[in-house]
Amino acid sequence: MKVEISPSNYGALASSVKLPAGHLYIADYLLCIPLTGMDRVEQTAWFDRMLDWNEKTINVGPLGTVEHYEKYYSINK
């Protein structure tokens, strides 16, 4: 799951809930939460939770080419 979220909201979210192992916060705008290994109930709970924090879009799918580049080469690390 990929969720667009500001740095301040990411900080607030991270301090209010335990983010899943393997999550990424890329280029100060994109929170990536791995859904692999979660059952449907847990996946649904994360979707519901992210609806409160989402600022633009929520997508499901692998990281794209641009997101991989941002992960490794972003100046906002």
PDB file of N, CA and C in Angstrom:
ATOM      1  N   MET A   1       0.850  -1.156   0.000  1.00  0.00           N
ATOM      2  CA  MET A   1       0.000   0.000   0.000  1.00  0.00           C
ATOM      3  C   MET A   1       0.905   1.231   0.000  1.00  0.00           C
ATOM      4  N   LYS A   2       0.587   2.192  -0.875  1.00  0.00           N
ATOM      5  CA  LYS A   2       1.362   3.426  -0.959  1.00  0.00           C
ATOM      6  C   LYS A   2       0.437   4.590  -0.633  1.00  0.00           C
ATOM      7  N   VAL A   3       0.839   5.376   0.360  1.00  0.00           N
ATOM      8  CA  VAL A   3       0.009   6.461   0.874  1.00  0.00           C
ATOM      9  C   VAL A   3       0.812   7.757   0.847  1.00  0.00           C
ATOM     10  N   GLU A   4       0.271   8.790   0.224  1.00  0.00           N
ATOM     11  CA  GLU A   4       0.935  10.088   0.230  1.00  0.00           C
ATOM     12  C   GLU A   4       0.631  10.780   1.554  1.00  0.00           C
ATOM     13  N   ILE A   5       1.700  11.160   2.264  1.00  0.00           N
ATOM     14  CA  ILE A   5       1.546  11.736   3.598  1.00  0.00           C
ATOM     15  C   ILE A   5       2.715  12.689   3.870  1.00  0.00           C
ATOM     16  N   SER A   6       2.424  13.817   4.474  1.00  0.00           N
ATOM     17  CA  SER A   6       3.452  14.825   4.751  1.00  0.00           C
ATOM     18  C   SER A   6       4.385  14.347   5.864  1.00  0.00           C
ATOM     19  N   PRO A   7       5.579  14.932   5.938  1.00  0.00           N
ATOM     20  CA  PRO A   7       6.510  14.549   7.013  1.00  0.00           C
ATOM     21  C   PRO A   7       5.926  14.745   8.415  1.00  0.00           C
ATOM     22  N   SER A   8       5.193  15.837   8.626  1.00  0.00           N
ATOM     23  CA  SER A   8       4.634  16.067   9.961  1.00  0.00           C
ATOM     24  C   SER A   8       3.568  15.025  10.297  1.00  0.00           C
ATOM     25  N   ASN A   9       2.726  14.675   9.330  1.00  0.00           N
ATOM     26  CA  ASN A   9       1.716  13.643   9.583  1.00  0.00           C
ATOM     27  C   ASN A   9       2.346  12.263   9.715  1.00  0.00           C
ATOM     28  N   TYR A  10       3.427  12.014   8.976  1.00  0.00           N
ATOM     29  CA  TYR A  10       4.138  10.741   9.127  1.00  0.00           C
ATOM     30  C   TYR A  10       4.688  10.623  10.550  1.00  0.00           C
ATOM     31  N   GLY A  11       5.279  11.686  11.041  1.00  0.00           N
ATOM     32  CA  GLY A  11       5.797  11.667  12.407  1.00  0.00           C
ATOM     33  C   GLY A  11       4.711  11.423  13.431  1.00  0.00           C
ATOM     34  N   ALA A  12       3.574  12.083  13.251  1.00  0.00           N
ATOM     35  CA  ALA A  12       2.453  11.889  14.177  1.00  0.00           C
ATOM     36  C   ALA A  12       1.916  10.460  14.096  1.00  0.00           C
ATOM     37  N   LEU A  13       1.795   9.936  12.883  1.00  0.00           N
ATOM     38  CA  LEU A  13       1.323   8.565  12.706  1.00  0.00           C
ATOM     39  C   LEU A  13       2.285   7.574  13.347  1.00  0.00           C
ATOM     40  N   ALA A  14       3.573   7.741  13.067  1.00  0.00           N
ATOM     41  CA  ALA A  14       4.579   6.819  13.595  1.00  0.00           C
ATOM     42  C   ALA A  14       4.632   6.830  15.119  1.00  0.00           C
ATOM     43  N   SER A  15       4.285   7.960  15.723  1.00  0.00           N
ATOM     44  CA  SER A  15       4.294   8.008  17.186  1.00  0.00           C
ATOM     45  C   SER A  15       2.981   7.507  17.791  1.00  0.00           C
ATOM     46  N   SER A  16       1.946   7.376  16.961  1.00  0.00           N
ATOM     47  CA  SER A  16       0.659   6.931  17.503  1.00  0.00           C
ATOM     48  C   SER A  16       0.365   5.453  17.265  1.00  0.00           C
ATOM     49  N   VAL A  17       0.975   4.855  16.240  1.00  0.00           N
ATOM     50  CA  VAL A  17       0.775   3.423  15.973  1.00  0.00           C
ATOM     51  C   VAL A  17       2.116   2.802  15.613  1.00  0.00           C
ATOM     52  N   LYS A  18       2.206   1.500  15.832  1.00  0.00           N
ATOM     53  CA  LYS A  18       3.423   0.785  15.423  1.00  0.00           C
ATOM     54  C   LYS A  18       3.273   0.420  13.953  1.00  0.00           C
ATOM     55  N   LEU A  19       4.127   1.016  13.120  1.00  0.00           N
ATOM     56  CA  LEU A  19       4.079   0.722  11.694  1.00  0.00           C
ATOM     57  C   LEU A  19       4.640  -0.678  11.446  1.00  0.00           C
ATOM     58  N   PRO A  20       4.119  -1.363  10.428  1.00  0.00           N
ATOM     59  CA  PRO A  20       4.564  -2.733  10.165  1.00  0.00           C
ATOM     60  C   PRO A  20       6.053  -2.808   9.820  1.00  0.00           C
ATOM     61  N   ALA A  21       6.658  -3.922  10.135  1.00  0.00           N
ATOM     62  CA  ALA A  21       8.050  -4.160   9.767  1.00  0.00           C
ATOM     63  C   ALA A  21       8.163  -4.073   8.247  1.00  0.00           C
ATOM     64  N   GLY A  22       9.226  -3.475   7.786  1.00  0.00           N
ATOM     65  CA  GLY A  22       9.459  -3.365   6.356  1.00  0.00           C
ATOM     66  C   GLY A  22       8.817  -2.157   5.697  1.00  0.00           C
ATOM     67  N   HIS A  23       8.142  -1.315   6.478  1.00  0.00           N
ATOM     68  CA  HIS A  23       7.549  -0.124   5.862  1.00  0.00           C
ATOM     69  C   HIS A  23       8.665   0.834   5.422  1.00  0.00           C
ATOM     70  N   LEU A  24       8.359   1.670   4.444  1.00  0.00           N
ATOM     71  CA  LEU A  24       9.303   2.670   3.956  1.00  0.00           C
ATOM     72  C   LEU A  24       8.624   4.029   3.945  1.00  0.00           C
ATOM     73  N   TYR A  25       9.395   5.057   4.192  1.00  0.00           N
ATOM     74  CA  TYR A  25       8.910   6.421   3.997  1.00  0.00           C
ATOM     75  C   TYR A  25       9.882   7.054   3.010  1.00  0.00           C
ATOM     76  N   ILE A  26       9.423   7.270   1.797  1.00  0.00           N
ATOM     77  CA  ILE A  26      10.282   7.653   0.681  1.00  0.00           C
ATOM     78  C   ILE A  26      10.101   9.122   0.330  1.00  0.00           C
ATOM     79  N   ALA A  27      11.236   9.826   0.236  1.00  0.00           N
ATOM     80  CA  ALA A  27      11.297  11.198  -0.279  1.00  0.00           C
ATOM     81  C   ALA A  27      10.360  12.162   0.451  1.00  0.00           C
ATOM     82  N   ASP A  28      10.151  11.932   1.716  1.00  0.00           N
ATOM     83  CA  ASP A  28       9.318  12.818   2.539  1.00  0.00           C
ATOM     84  C   ASP A  28       7.896  13.008   2.020  1.00  0.00           C
ATOM     85  N   TYR A  29       7.350  11.967   1.361  1.00  0.00           N
ATOM     86  CA  TYR A  29       5.952  12.099   0.948  1.00  0.00           C
ATOM     87  C   TYR A  29       5.217  10.773   0.783  1.00  0.00           C
ATOM     88  N   LEU A  30       5.939   9.657   0.665  1.00  0.00           N
ATOM     89  CA  LEU A  30       5.277   8.412   0.317  1.00  0.00           C
ATOM     90  C   LEU A  30       5.545   7.332   1.363  1.00  0.00           C
ATOM     91  N   LEU A  31       4.489   6.943   2.061  1.00  0.00           N
ATOM     92  CA  LEU A  31       4.569   5.858   3.035  1.00  0.00           C
ATOM     93  C   LEU A  31       4.168   4.564   2.329  1.00  0.00           C
ATOM     94  N   CYS A  32       5.057   3.588   2.376  1.00  0.00           N
ATOM     95  CA  CYS A  32       4.797   2.288   1.756  1.00  0.00           C
ATOM     96  C   CYS A  32       4.681   1.237   2.853  1.00  0.00           C
ATOM     97  N   ILE A  33       3.546   0.575   2.885  1.00  0.00           N
ATOM     98  CA  ILE A  33       3.271  -0.441   3.891  1.00  0.00           C
ATOM     99  C   ILE A  33       3.125  -1.778   3.189  1.00  0.00           C
ATOM    100  N   PRO A  34       3.992  -2.741   3.519  1.00  0.00           N
ATOM    101  CA  PRO A  34       3.890  -4.051   2.869  1.00  0.00           C
ATOM    102  C   PRO A  34       2.665  -4.819   3.366  1.00  0.00           C
ATOM    103  N   LEU A  35       1.842  -5.272   2.440  1.00  0.00           N
ATOM    104  CA  LEU A  35       0.640  -6.018   2.805  1.00  0.00           C
ATOM    105  C   LEU A  35       0.890  -7.521   2.792  1.00  0.00           C
ATOM    106  N   THR A  36       1.996  -7.934   2.212  1.00  0.00           N
ATOM    107  CA  THR A  36       2.349  -9.353   2.159  1.00  0.00           C
ATOM    108  C   THR A  36       2.494  -9.896   3.574  1.00  0.00           C
ATOM    109  N   GLY A  37       1.875 -11.021   3.811  1.00  0.00           N
ATOM    110  CA  GLY A  37       1.964 -11.646   5.127  1.00  0.00           C
ATOM    111  C   GLY A  37       0.849 -11.239   6.069  1.00  0.00           C
ATOM    112  N   MET A  38       0.064 -10.229   5.692  1.00  0.00           N
ATOM    113  CA  MET A  38      -1.077  -9.821   6.521  1.00  0.00           C
ATOM    114  C   MET A  38      -2.315 -10.569   6.044  1.00  0.00           C
ATOM    115  N   ASP A  39      -3.187 -10.926   6.986  1.00  0.00           N
ATOM    116  CA  ASP A  39      -4.461 -11.507   6.570  1.00  0.00           C
ATOM    117  C   ASP A  39      -5.403 -10.363   6.163  1.00  0.00           C
ATOM    118  N   ARG A  40      -6.547 -10.709   5.626  1.00  0.00           N
ATOM    119  CA  ARG A  40      -7.479  -9.680   5.122  1.00  0.00           C
ATOM    120  C   ARG A  40      -7.962  -8.731   6.218  1.00  0.00           C
ATOM    121  N   VAL A  41      -8.148  -9.242   7.385  1.00  0.00           N
ATOM    122  CA  VAL A  41      -8.597  -8.395   8.491  1.00  0.00           C
ATOM    123  C   VAL A  41      -7.546  -7.336   8.799  1.00  0.00           C
ATOM    124  N   GLU A  42      -6.282  -7.753   8.869  1.00  0.00           N
ATOM    125  CA  GLU A  42      -5.204  -6.814   9.155  1.00  0.00           C
ATOM    126  C   GLU A  42      -5.020  -5.818   8.004  1.00  0.00           C
ATOM    127  N   GLN A  43      -5.112  -6.290   6.752  1.00  0.00           N
ATOM    128  CA  GLN A  43      -5.015  -5.392   5.607  1.00  0.00           C
ATOM    129  C   GLN A  43      -6.125  -4.350   5.634  1.00  0.00           C
ATOM    130  N   THR A  44      -7.331  -4.799   5.918  1.00  0.00           N
ATOM    131  CA  THR A  44      -8.474  -3.884   5.989  1.00  0.00           C
ATOM    132  C   THR A  44      -8.291  -2.862   7.100  1.00  0.00           C
ATOM    133  N   ALA A  45      -7.767  -3.308   8.230  1.00  0.00           N
ATOM    134  CA  ALA A  45      -7.522  -2.386   9.346  1.00  0.00           C
ATOM    135  C   ALA A  45      -6.527  -1.298   8.932  1.00  0.00           C
ATOM    136  N   TRP A  46      -5.473  -1.671   8.185  1.00  0.00           N
ATOM    137  CA  TRP A  46      -4.507  -0.665   7.732  1.00  0.00           C
ATOM    138  C   TRP A  46      -5.127   0.292   6.727  1.00  0.00           C
ATOM    139  N   PHE A  47      -5.958  -0.214   5.823  1.00  0.00           N
ATOM    140  CA  PHE A  47      -6.644   0.680   4.892  1.00  0.00           C
ATOM    141  C   PHE A  47      -7.516   1.670   5.648  1.00  0.00           C
ATOM    142  N   ASP A  48      -8.299   1.173   6.586  1.00  0.00           N
ATOM    143  CA  ASP A  48      -9.162   2.052   7.379  1.00  0.00           C
ATOM    144  C   ASP A  48      -8.342   3.097   8.131  1.00  0.00           C
ATOM    145  N   ARG A  49      -7.253   2.669   8.730  1.00  0.00           N
ATOM    146  CA  ARG A  49      -6.378   3.581   9.480  1.00  0.00           C
ATOM    147  C   ARG A  49      -5.797   4.648   8.559  1.00  0.00           C
ATOM    148  N   MET A  50      -5.370   4.249   7.381  1.00  0.00           N
ATOM    149  CA  MET A  50      -4.723   5.194   6.460  1.00  0.00           C
ATOM    150  C   MET A  50      -5.702   6.194   5.857  1.00  0.00           C
ATOM    151  N   LEU A  51      -6.977   5.870   5.811  1.00  0.00           N
ATOM    152  CA  LEU A  51      -7.965   6.830   5.314  1.00  0.00           C
ATOM    153  C   LEU A  51      -7.965   8.103   6.151  1.00  0.00           C
ATOM    154  N   ASP A  52      -7.665   7.981   7.434  1.00  0.00           N
ATOM    155  CA  ASP A  52      -7.620   9.149   8.311  1.00  0.00           C
ATOM    156  C   ASP A  52      -6.364   9.996   8.087  1.00  0.00           C
ATOM    157  N   TRP A  53      -5.298   9.396   7.547  1.00  0.00           N
ATOM    158  CA  TRP A  53      -4.015  10.087   7.394  1.00  0.00           C
ATOM    159  C   TRP A  53      -3.706  10.456   5.948  1.00  0.00           C
ATOM    160  N   ASN A  54      -4.371   9.835   5.011  1.00  0.00           N
ATOM    161  CA  ASN A  54      -4.104  10.046   3.593  1.00  0.00           C
ATOM    162  C   ASN A  54      -4.324  11.498   3.201  1.00  0.00           C
ATOM    163  N   GLU A  55      -3.428  12.049   2.404  1.00  0.00           N
ATOM    164  CA  GLU A  55      -3.545  13.434   1.966  1.00  0.00           C
ATOM    165  C   GLU A  55      -3.905  13.558   0.494  1.00  0.00           C
ATOM    166  N   LYS A  56      -3.564  12.573  -0.319  1.00  0.00           N
ATOM    167  CA  LYS A  56      -3.877  12.642  -1.740  1.00  0.00           C
ATOM    168  C   LYS A  56      -4.404  11.312  -2.258  1.00  0.00           C
ATOM    169  N   THR A  57      -3.543  10.296  -2.270  1.00  0.00           N
ATOM    170  CA  THR A  57      -3.940   9.020  -2.856  1.00  0.00           C
ATOM    171  C   THR A  57      -3.477   7.848  -2.012  1.00  0.00           C
ATOM    172  N   ILE A  58      -4.179   6.741  -2.194  1.00  0.00           N
ATOM    173  CA  ILE A  58      -3.757   5.450  -1.655  1.00  0.00           C
ATOM    174  C   ILE A  58      -3.736   4.495  -2.845  1.00  0.00           C
ATOM    175  N   ASN A  59      -2.616   3.846  -3.056  1.00  0.00           N
ATOM    176  CA  ASN A  59      -2.475   2.884  -4.147  1.00  0.00           C
ATOM    177  C   ASN A  59      -2.009   1.553  -3.595  1.00  0.00           C
ATOM    178  N   VAL A  60      -2.363   0.503  -4.307  1.00  0.00           N
ATOM    179  CA  VAL A  60      -1.880  -0.824  -3.971  1.00  0.00           C
ATOM    180  C   VAL A  60      -1.082  -1.325  -5.162  1.00  0.00           C
ATOM    181  N   GLY A  61       0.122  -1.780  -4.890  1.00  0.00           N
ATOM    182  CA  GLY A  61       0.967  -2.315  -5.948  1.00  0.00           C
ATOM    183  C   GLY A  61       2.423  -2.159  -5.579  1.00  0.00           C
ATOM    184  N   PRO A  62       3.283  -2.721  -6.398  1.00  0.00           N
ATOM    185  CA  PRO A  62       4.720  -2.639  -6.126  1.00  0.00           C
ATOM    186  C   PRO A  62       5.242  -1.227  -6.366  1.00  0.00           C
ATOM    187  N   LEU A  63       6.431  -0.957  -5.847  1.00  0.00           N
ATOM    188  CA  LEU A  63       7.065   0.330  -6.109  1.00  0.00           C
ATOM    189  C   LEU A  63       7.378   0.430  -7.595  1.00  0.00           C
ATOM    190  N   GLY A  64       7.133   1.605  -8.164  1.00  0.00           N
ATOM    191  CA  GLY A  64       7.462   1.844  -9.558  1.00  0.00           C
ATOM    192  C   GLY A  64       8.897   2.321  -9.691  1.00  0.00           C
ATOM    193  N   THR A  65       9.323   2.522 -10.915  1.00  0.00           N
ATOM    194  CA  THR A  65      10.697   2.941 -11.193  1.00  0.00           C
ATOM    195  C   THR A  65      11.032   4.254 -10.503  1.00  0.00           C
ATOM    196  N   VAL A  66      10.169   5.245 -10.619  1.00  0.00           N
ATOM    197  CA  VAL A  66      10.425   6.552  -9.997  1.00  0.00           C
ATOM    198  C   VAL A  66      10.534   6.407  -8.488  1.00  0.00           C
ATOM    199  N   GLU A  67       9.671   5.604  -7.885  1.00  0.00           N
ATOM    200  CA  GLU A  67       9.704   5.408  -6.431  1.00  0.00           C
ATOM    201  C   GLU A  67      10.998   4.725  -5.992  1.00  0.00           C
ATOM    202  N   HIS A  68      11.491   3.791  -6.794  1.00  0.00           N
ATOM    203  CA  HIS A  68      12.781   3.158  -6.478  1.00  0.00           C
ATOM    204  C   HIS A  68      13.906   4.191  -6.531  1.00  0.00           C
ATOM    205  N   TYR A  69      13.902   5.035  -7.554  1.00  0.00           N
ATOM    206  CA  TYR A  69      14.935   6.067  -7.639  1.00  0.00           C
ATOM    207  C   TYR A  69      14.836   7.027  -6.461  1.00  0.00           C
ATOM    208  N   GLU A  70      13.623   7.422  -6.118  1.00  0.00           N
ATOM    209  CA  GLU A  70      13.456   8.333  -4.976  1.00  0.00           C
ATOM    210  C   GLU A  70      13.929   7.681  -3.690  1.00  0.00           C
ATOM    211  N   LYS A  71      13.705   6.387  -3.553  1.00  0.00           N
ATOM    212  CA  LYS A  71      14.121   5.664  -2.357  1.00  0.00           C
ATOM    213  C   LYS A  71      15.637   5.747  -2.178  1.00  0.00           C
ATOM    214  N   TYR A  72      16.364   5.586  -3.246  1.00  0.00           N
ATOM    215  CA  TYR A  72      17.812   5.525  -3.155  1.00  0.00           C
ATOM    216  C   TYR A  72      18.520   6.849  -3.378  1.00  0.00           C
ATOM    217  N   TYR A  73      17.916   7.763  -4.121  1.00  0.00           N
ATOM    218  CA  TYR A  73      18.631   8.970  -4.513  1.00  0.00           C
ATOM    219  C   TYR A  73      18.011  10.269  -4.012  1.00  0.00           C
ATOM    220  N   SER A  74      16.966  10.195  -3.230  1.00  0.00           N
ATOM    221  CA  SER A  74      16.327  11.404  -2.731  1.00  0.00           C
ATOM    222  C   SER A  74      17.275  12.173  -1.816  1.00  0.00           C
ATOM    223  N   ILE A  75      17.283  13.489  -1.960  1.00  0.00           N
ATOM    224  CA  ILE A  75      18.109  14.307  -1.074  1.00  0.00           C
ATOM    225  C   ILE A  75      17.438  14.482   0.278  1.00  0.00           C
ATOM    226  N   ASN A  76      16.168  14.102   0.405  1.00  0.00           N
ATOM    227  CA  ASN A  76      15.419  14.246   1.657  1.00  0.00           C
ATOM    228  C   ASN A  76      15.432  12.938   2.431  1.00  0.00           C
ATOM    229  N   LYS A  77      16.597  12.482   2.820  1.00  0.00           N
ATOM    230  CA  LYS A  77      16.669  11.195   3.546  1.00  0.00           C
ATOM    231  C   LYS A  77      16.596  11.418   5.031  1.00  0.00           C
TER     232      LYS A  77
END
